[in-house]
Amino acid sequence: MITLSKQSAQTLVVALVMLVVLTLLVISAIRAGNINLRIVGNMQLREEISAAARQGTEQVMSSNFTTNATAQAITVDVNQDGTTDYTVNVNPICTGSITITNADLNPNLAADLPCVSSGAAQQTGLMVSGVAATAALGQSWCYLQQWELQAEVNDSNTGATATTVQGVALRVPAGTNCP
């Protein structure tokens, strides 16, 4: 027959084992939570750096970068607190330039009118308001250039980096160099 003191000892041992098991479960849950928190933090940082690279690219793209196609350092304030969060290095690279002929232009479009060329301004051969609009086959006053804007961001605090490449096709005045 089992005495009361033996039953108390067995209960104590079972309770201690259960306490150890519960402690191990809590520790593993805390570790899993910390790992997930780090994963989410890294994903947020990656998205923030990518957004900074896109913002730097858009800022260069909105300027007239074809006249001075040099690498630019753009400062970005992602959280709008007044301090620079990232510096984006944007390098524009011209990948090609195609001559636009007058035949490729539509004189009815305001965007095409500055590109239409002719030997004499009065004799362009174009009937803007007429039914049959024809264009001379000569070279226009514009080129179509293709550019790649390569943006790189480095975070000195975390060591994270992001590189993006954005392709852009632009109509530029004839004579614009494609370095």
C-alpha atoms as a PDB file:
ATOM      1  CA  MET A   1       0.000   0.000   0.000  1.00  0.00           C
ATOM      2  CA  ILE A   2       1.199   3.475  -0.886  1.00  0.00           C
ATOM      3  CA  THR A   3       1.494   5.862   1.962  1.00  0.00           C
ATOM      4  CA  LEU A   4       0.491   9.501   1.920  1.00  0.00           C
ATOM      5  CA  SER A   5       4.078  10.756   1.882  1.00  0.00           C
ATOM      6  CA  LYS A   6       4.880   8.629  -1.171  1.00  0.00           C
ATOM      7  CA  GLN A   7       1.821  10.005  -2.964  1.00  0.00           C
ATOM      8  CA  SER A   8       2.894  13.574  -2.156  1.00  0.00           C
ATOM      9  CA  ALA A   9       6.355  12.945  -3.552  1.00  0.00           C
ATOM     10  CA  GLN A  10       4.960  11.523  -6.782  1.00  0.00           C
ATOM     11  CA  THR A  11       2.633  14.483  -7.165  1.00  0.00           C
ATOM     12  CA  LEU A  12       5.518  16.855  -6.591  1.00  0.00           C
ATOM     13  CA  VAL A  13       7.653  15.114  -9.233  1.00  0.00           C
ATOM     14  CA  VAL A  14       4.816  15.167 -11.792  1.00  0.00           C
ATOM     15  CA  ALA A  15       4.134  18.848 -11.053  1.00  0.00           C
ATOM     16  CA  LEU A  16       7.807  19.721 -11.485  1.00  0.00           C
ATOM     17  CA  VAL A  17       7.992  17.830 -14.789  1.00  0.00           C
ATOM     18  CA  MET A  18       4.883  19.629 -16.036  1.00  0.00           C
ATOM     19  CA  LEU A  19       6.370  22.958 -14.928  1.00  0.00           C
ATOM     20  CA  VAL A  20       9.573  22.243 -16.865  1.00  0.00           C
ATOM     21  CA  VAL A  21       7.564  21.269 -19.980  1.00  0.00           C
ATOM     22  CA  LEU A  22       5.481  24.448 -19.754  1.00  0.00           C
ATOM     23  CA  THR A  23       8.638  26.543 -19.289  1.00  0.00           C
ATOM     24  CA  LEU A  24      10.202  25.001 -22.384  1.00  0.00           C
ATOM     25  CA  LEU A  25       7.026  25.701 -24.388  1.00  0.00           C
ATOM     26  CA  VAL A  26       7.008  29.341 -23.279  1.00  0.00           C
ATOM     27  CA  ILE A  27      10.693  29.781 -24.126  1.00  0.00           C
ATOM     28  CA  SER A  28      10.218  28.292 -27.606  1.00  0.00           C
ATOM     29  CA  ALA A  29       7.176  30.535 -28.192  1.00  0.00           C
ATOM     30  CA  ILE A  30       9.177  33.611 -27.188  1.00  0.00           C
ATOM     31  CA  ARG A  31      12.044  32.610 -29.500  1.00  0.00           C
ATOM     32  CA  ALA A  32       9.639  32.039 -32.402  1.00  0.00           C
ATOM     33  CA  GLY A  33       8.055  35.435 -31.759  1.00  0.00           C
ATOM     34  CA  ASN A  34      11.454  37.143 -31.748  1.00  0.00           C
ATOM     35  CA  ILE A  35      12.467  35.441 -34.995  1.00  0.00           C
ATOM     36  CA  ASN A  36       9.209  36.482 -36.649  1.00  0.00           C
ATOM     37  CA  LEU A  37       9.711  40.028 -35.390  1.00  0.00           C
ATOM     38  CA  ARG A  38      13.179  40.123 -36.972  1.00  0.00           C
ATOM     39  CA  ILE A  39      11.821  38.747 -40.249  1.00  0.00           C
ATOM     40  CA  VAL A  40       9.108  41.410 -40.389  1.00  0.00           C
ATOM     41  CA  GLY A  41      11.610  44.134 -39.481  1.00  0.00           C
ATOM     42  CA  ASN A  42      13.943  43.032 -42.282  1.00  0.00           C
ATOM     43  CA  MET A  43      11.065  42.953 -44.769  1.00  0.00           C
ATOM     44  CA  GLN A  44      10.025  46.445 -43.709  1.00  0.00           C
ATOM     45  CA  LEU A  45      13.601  47.716 -44.082  1.00  0.00           C
ATOM     46  CA  ARG A  46      13.888  46.118 -47.533  1.00  0.00           C
ATOM     47  CA  GLU A  47      10.660  47.769 -48.677  1.00  0.00           C
ATOM     48  CA  GLU A  48      11.763  51.108 -47.224  1.00  0.00           C
ATOM     49  CA  ILE A  49      15.106  50.979 -49.038  1.00  0.00           C
ATOM     50  CA  SER A  50      13.409  49.965 -52.298  1.00  0.00           C
ATOM     51  CA  ALA A  51      10.972  52.867 -51.902  1.00  0.00           C
ATOM     52  CA  ALA A  52      13.917  55.229 -51.353  1.00  0.00           C
ATOM     53  CA  ALA A  53      15.572  53.917 -54.543  1.00  0.00           C
ATOM     54  CA  ARG A  54      12.357  54.442 -56.514  1.00  0.00           C
ATOM     55  CA  GLN A  55      11.933  57.940 -55.087  1.00  0.00           C
ATOM     56  CA  GLY A  56      15.500  58.867 -56.075  1.00  0.00           C
ATOM     57  CA  THR A  57      14.965  57.455 -59.576  1.00  0.00           C
ATOM     58  CA  GLU A  58      11.714  59.402 -59.989  1.00  0.00           C
ATOM     59  CA  GLN A  59      13.377  62.603 -58.825  1.00  0.00           C
ATOM     60  CA  VAL A  60      16.146  62.233 -61.431  1.00  0.00           C
ATOM     61  CA  MET A  61      13.638  61.191 -64.092  1.00  0.00           C
ATOM     62  CA  SER A  62      11.558  64.328 -63.480  1.00  0.00           C
ATOM     63  CA  SER A  63      14.608  66.537 -64.072  1.00  0.00           C
ATOM     64  CA  ASN A  64      16.257  67.217 -67.413  1.00  0.00           C
ATOM     65  CA  PHE A  65      18.985  64.637 -66.774  1.00  0.00           C
ATOM     66  CA  THR A  66      19.836  64.147 -70.474  1.00  0.00           C
ATOM     67  CA  THR A  67      21.632  67.500 -70.666  1.00  0.00           C
ATOM     68  CA  ASN A  68      24.080  66.521 -67.913  1.00  0.00           C
ATOM     69  CA  ALA A  69      24.043  62.733 -67.663  1.00  0.00           C
ATOM     70  CA  THR A  70      26.205  62.259 -64.589  1.00  0.00           C
ATOM     71  CA  ALA A  71      25.696  60.226 -61.438  1.00  0.00           C
ATOM     72  CA  GLN A  72      23.708  62.071 -58.807  1.00  0.00           C
ATOM     73  CA  ALA A  73      23.394  61.586 -55.056  1.00  0.00           C
ATOM     74  CA  ILE A  74      19.766  62.132 -54.030  1.00  0.00           C
ATOM     75  CA  THR A  75      18.846  62.467 -50.359  1.00  0.00           C
ATOM     76  CA  VAL A  76      15.576  60.859 -49.309  1.00  0.00           C
ATOM     77  CA  ASP A  77      13.527  61.453 -46.163  1.00  0.00           C
ATOM     78  CA  VAL A  78      11.229  58.412 -46.084  1.00  0.00           C
ATOM     79  CA  ASN A  79       9.387  59.120 -42.828  1.00  0.00           C
ATOM     80  CA  GLN A  80       9.062  62.907 -43.417  1.00  0.00           C
ATOM     81  CA  ASP A  81      10.725  63.867 -40.116  1.00  0.00           C
ATOM     82  CA  GLY A  82      13.039  66.446 -41.674  1.00  0.00           C
ATOM     83  CA  THR A  83      16.225  64.363 -41.544  1.00  0.00           C
ATOM     84  CA  THR A  84      17.813  62.437 -44.393  1.00  0.00           C
ATOM     85  CA  ASP A  85      17.187  58.710 -44.018  1.00  0.00           C
ATOM     86  CA  TYR A  86      18.969  57.436 -47.132  1.00  0.00           C
ATOM     87  CA  THR A  87      21.247  58.673 -49.890  1.00  0.00           C
ATOM     88  CA  VAL A  88      20.412  57.234 -53.298  1.00  0.00           C
ATOM     89  CA  ASN A  89      23.131  57.161 -55.954  1.00  0.00           C
ATOM     90  CA  VAL A  90      21.448  57.365 -59.369  1.00  0.00           C
ATOM     91  CA  ASN A  91      23.510  56.803 -62.503  1.00  0.00           C
ATOM     92  CA  PRO A  92      21.810  57.532 -65.871  1.00  0.00           C
ATOM     93  CA  ILE A  93      23.168  55.462 -68.772  1.00  0.00           C
ATOM     94  CA  CYS A  94      22.135  56.074 -72.379  1.00  0.00           C
ATOM     95  CA  THR A  95      21.649  52.735 -74.128  1.00  0.00           C
ATOM     96  CA  GLY A  96      20.653  53.990 -77.573  1.00  0.00           C
ATOM     97  CA  SER A  97      19.500  56.845 -79.731  1.00  0.00           C
ATOM     98  CA  ILE A  98      17.190  56.557 -82.734  1.00  0.00           C
ATOM     99  CA  THR A  99      16.555  59.278 -85.296  1.00  0.00           C
ATOM    100  CA  ILE A 100      12.889  60.187 -85.659  1.00  0.00           C
ATOM    101  CA  THR A 101      11.820  60.990 -89.209  1.00  0.00           C
ATOM    102  CA  ASN A 102       9.094  63.462 -90.062  1.00  0.00           C
ATOM    103  CA  ALA A 103       7.034  60.515 -91.326  1.00  0.00           C
ATOM    104  CA  ASP A 104       6.949  59.170 -87.741  1.00  0.00           C
ATOM    105  CA  LEU A 105       5.340  62.366 -86.454  1.00  0.00           C
ATOM    106  CA  ASN A 106       1.723  63.440 -86.360  1.00  0.00           C
ATOM    107  CA  PRO A 107       1.444  67.208 -86.968  1.00  0.00           C
ATOM    108  CA  ASN A 108      -1.982  67.206 -85.331  1.00  0.00           C
ATOM    109  CA  LEU A 109      -0.403  66.397 -81.965  1.00  0.00           C
ATOM    110  CA  ALA A 110       0.988  69.310 -79.994  1.00  0.00           C
ATOM    111  CA  ALA A 111       3.817  67.112 -78.656  1.00  0.00           C
ATOM    112  CA  ASP A 112       5.016  66.329 -82.198  1.00  0.00           C
ATOM    113  CA  LEU A 113       4.993  69.898 -83.560  1.00  0.00           C
ATOM    114  CA  PRO A 114       8.360  70.979 -82.067  1.00  0.00           C
ATOM    115  CA  CYS A 115      10.011  68.012 -83.800  1.00  0.00           C
ATOM    116  CA  VAL A 116       8.706  68.602 -87.341  1.00  0.00           C
ATOM    117  CA  SER A 117      11.490  69.979 -89.539  1.00  0.00           C
ATOM    118  CA  SER A 118      11.647  71.325 -93.054  1.00  0.00           C
ATOM    119  CA  GLY A 119      13.931  73.242 -95.361  1.00  0.00           C
ATOM    120  CA  ALA A 120      11.587  76.252 -95.352  1.00  0.00           C
ATOM    121  CA  ALA A 121       9.127  76.956 -92.570  1.00  0.00           C
ATOM    122  CA  GLN A 122       6.308  77.918 -94.959  1.00  0.00           C
ATOM    123  CA  GLN A 123       6.747  74.857 -97.188  1.00  0.00           C
ATOM    124  CA  THR A 124       6.646  72.025 -94.662  1.00  0.00           C
ATOM    125  CA  GLY A 125       4.463  69.779 -96.798  1.00  0.00           C
ATOM    126  CA  LEU A 126       2.181  69.280 -93.803  1.00  0.00           C
ATOM    127  CA  MET A 127      -1.462  70.185 -93.703  1.00  0.00           C
ATOM    128  CA  VAL A 128      -2.258  70.434 -90.036  1.00  0.00           C
ATOM    129  CA  SER A 129      -5.937  71.233 -90.382  1.00  0.00           C
ATOM    130  CA  GLY A 130      -6.417  69.500 -93.740  1.00  0.00           C
ATOM    131  CA  VAL A 131      -7.662  66.004 -94.366  1.00  0.00           C
ATOM    132  CA  ALA A 132      -4.547  64.614 -96.017  1.00  0.00           C
ATOM    133  CA  ALA A 133      -1.622  65.376 -93.748  1.00  0.00           C
ATOM    134  CA  THR A 134       1.651  64.195 -95.222  1.00  0.00           C
ATOM    135  CA  ALA A 135       5.156  64.417 -93.856  1.00  0.00           C
ATOM    136  CA  ALA A 136       8.486  64.684 -95.525  1.00  0.00           C
ATOM    137  CA  LEU A 137      10.780  61.691 -95.128  1.00  0.00           C
ATOM    138  CA  GLY A 138      13.654  63.790 -93.797  1.00  0.00           C
ATOM    139  CA  GLN A 139      15.068  63.743 -90.294  1.00  0.00           C
ATOM    140  CA  SER A 140      13.066  65.554 -87.655  1.00  0.00           C
ATOM    141  CA  TRP A 141      14.452  67.834 -84.984  1.00  0.00           C
ATOM    142  CA  CYS A 142      14.136  65.101 -82.345  1.00  0.00           C
ATOM    143  CA  TYR A 143      15.744  61.814 -81.346  1.00  0.00           C
ATOM    144  CA  LEU A 144      14.232  58.945 -79.383  1.00  0.00           C
ATOM    145  CA  GLN A 145      16.695  57.910 -76.697  1.00  0.00           C
ATOM    146  CA  GLN A 146      16.594  54.932 -74.369  1.00  0.00           C
ATOM    147  CA  TRP A 147      18.074  55.358 -70.900  1.00  0.00           C
ATOM    148  CA  GLU A 148      18.636  53.157 -67.879  1.00  0.00           C
ATOM    149  CA  LEU A 149      18.560  54.808 -64.489  1.00  0.00           C
ATOM    150  CA  GLN A 150      20.501  52.649 -62.029  1.00  0.00           C
ATOM    151  CA  ALA A 151      19.809  53.509 -58.396  1.00  0.00           C
ATOM    152  CA  GLU A 152      21.736  52.124 -55.443  1.00  0.00           C
ATOM    153  CA  VAL A 153      20.984  52.633 -51.761  1.00  0.00           C
ATOM    154  CA  ASN A 154      23.231  51.554 -48.869  1.00  0.00           C
ATOM    155  CA  ASP A 155      22.093  51.685 -45.242  1.00  0.00           C
ATOM    156  CA  SER A 156      25.172  52.199 -43.082  1.00  0.00           C
ATOM    157  CA  ASN A 157      23.322  51.267 -39.878  1.00  0.00           C
ATOM    158  CA  THR A 158      22.138  47.827 -40.956  1.00  0.00           C
ATOM    159  CA  GLY A 159      24.344  47.067 -43.961  1.00  0.00           C
ATOM    160  CA  ALA A 160      21.287  46.581 -46.180  1.00  0.00           C
ATOM    161  CA  THR A 161      21.558  47.504 -49.863  1.00  0.00           C
ATOM    162  CA  ALA A 162      19.114  47.797 -52.738  1.00  0.00           C
ATOM    163  CA  THR A 163      19.732  48.276 -56.444  1.00  0.00           C
ATOM    164  CA  THR A 164      17.034  49.109 -58.985  1.00  0.00           C
ATOM    165  CA  VAL A 165      17.171  49.691 -62.720  1.00  0.00           C
ATOM    166  CA  GLN A 166      14.465  51.732 -64.477  1.00  0.00           C
ATOM    167  CA  GLY A 167      14.274  51.992 -68.255  1.00  0.00           C
ATOM    168  CA  VAL A 168      13.103  55.248 -69.820  1.00  0.00           C
ATOM    169  CA  ALA A 169      12.463  56.272 -73.426  1.00  0.00           C
ATOM    170  CA  LEU A 170      12.613  60.032 -74.031  1.00  0.00           C
ATOM    171  CA  ARG A 171      12.158  62.307 -77.003  1.00  0.00           C
ATOM    172  CA  VAL A 172      15.053  64.755 -76.949  1.00  0.00           C
ATOM    173  CA  PRO A 173      16.160  67.562 -79.279  1.00  0.00           C
ATOM    174  CA  ALA A 174      18.417  66.515 -82.158  1.00  0.00           C
ATOM    175  CA  GLY A 175      22.051  66.862 -81.187  1.00  0.00           C
ATOM    176  CA  THR A 176      21.533  65.612 -77.633  1.00  0.00           C
ATOM    177  CA  ASN A 177      24.495  63.369 -76.946  1.00  0.00           C
ATOM    178  CA  CYS A 178      24.075  59.757 -75.940  1.00  0.00           C
ATOM    179  CA  PRO A 179      27.267  59.209 -73.947  1.00  0.00           C
END
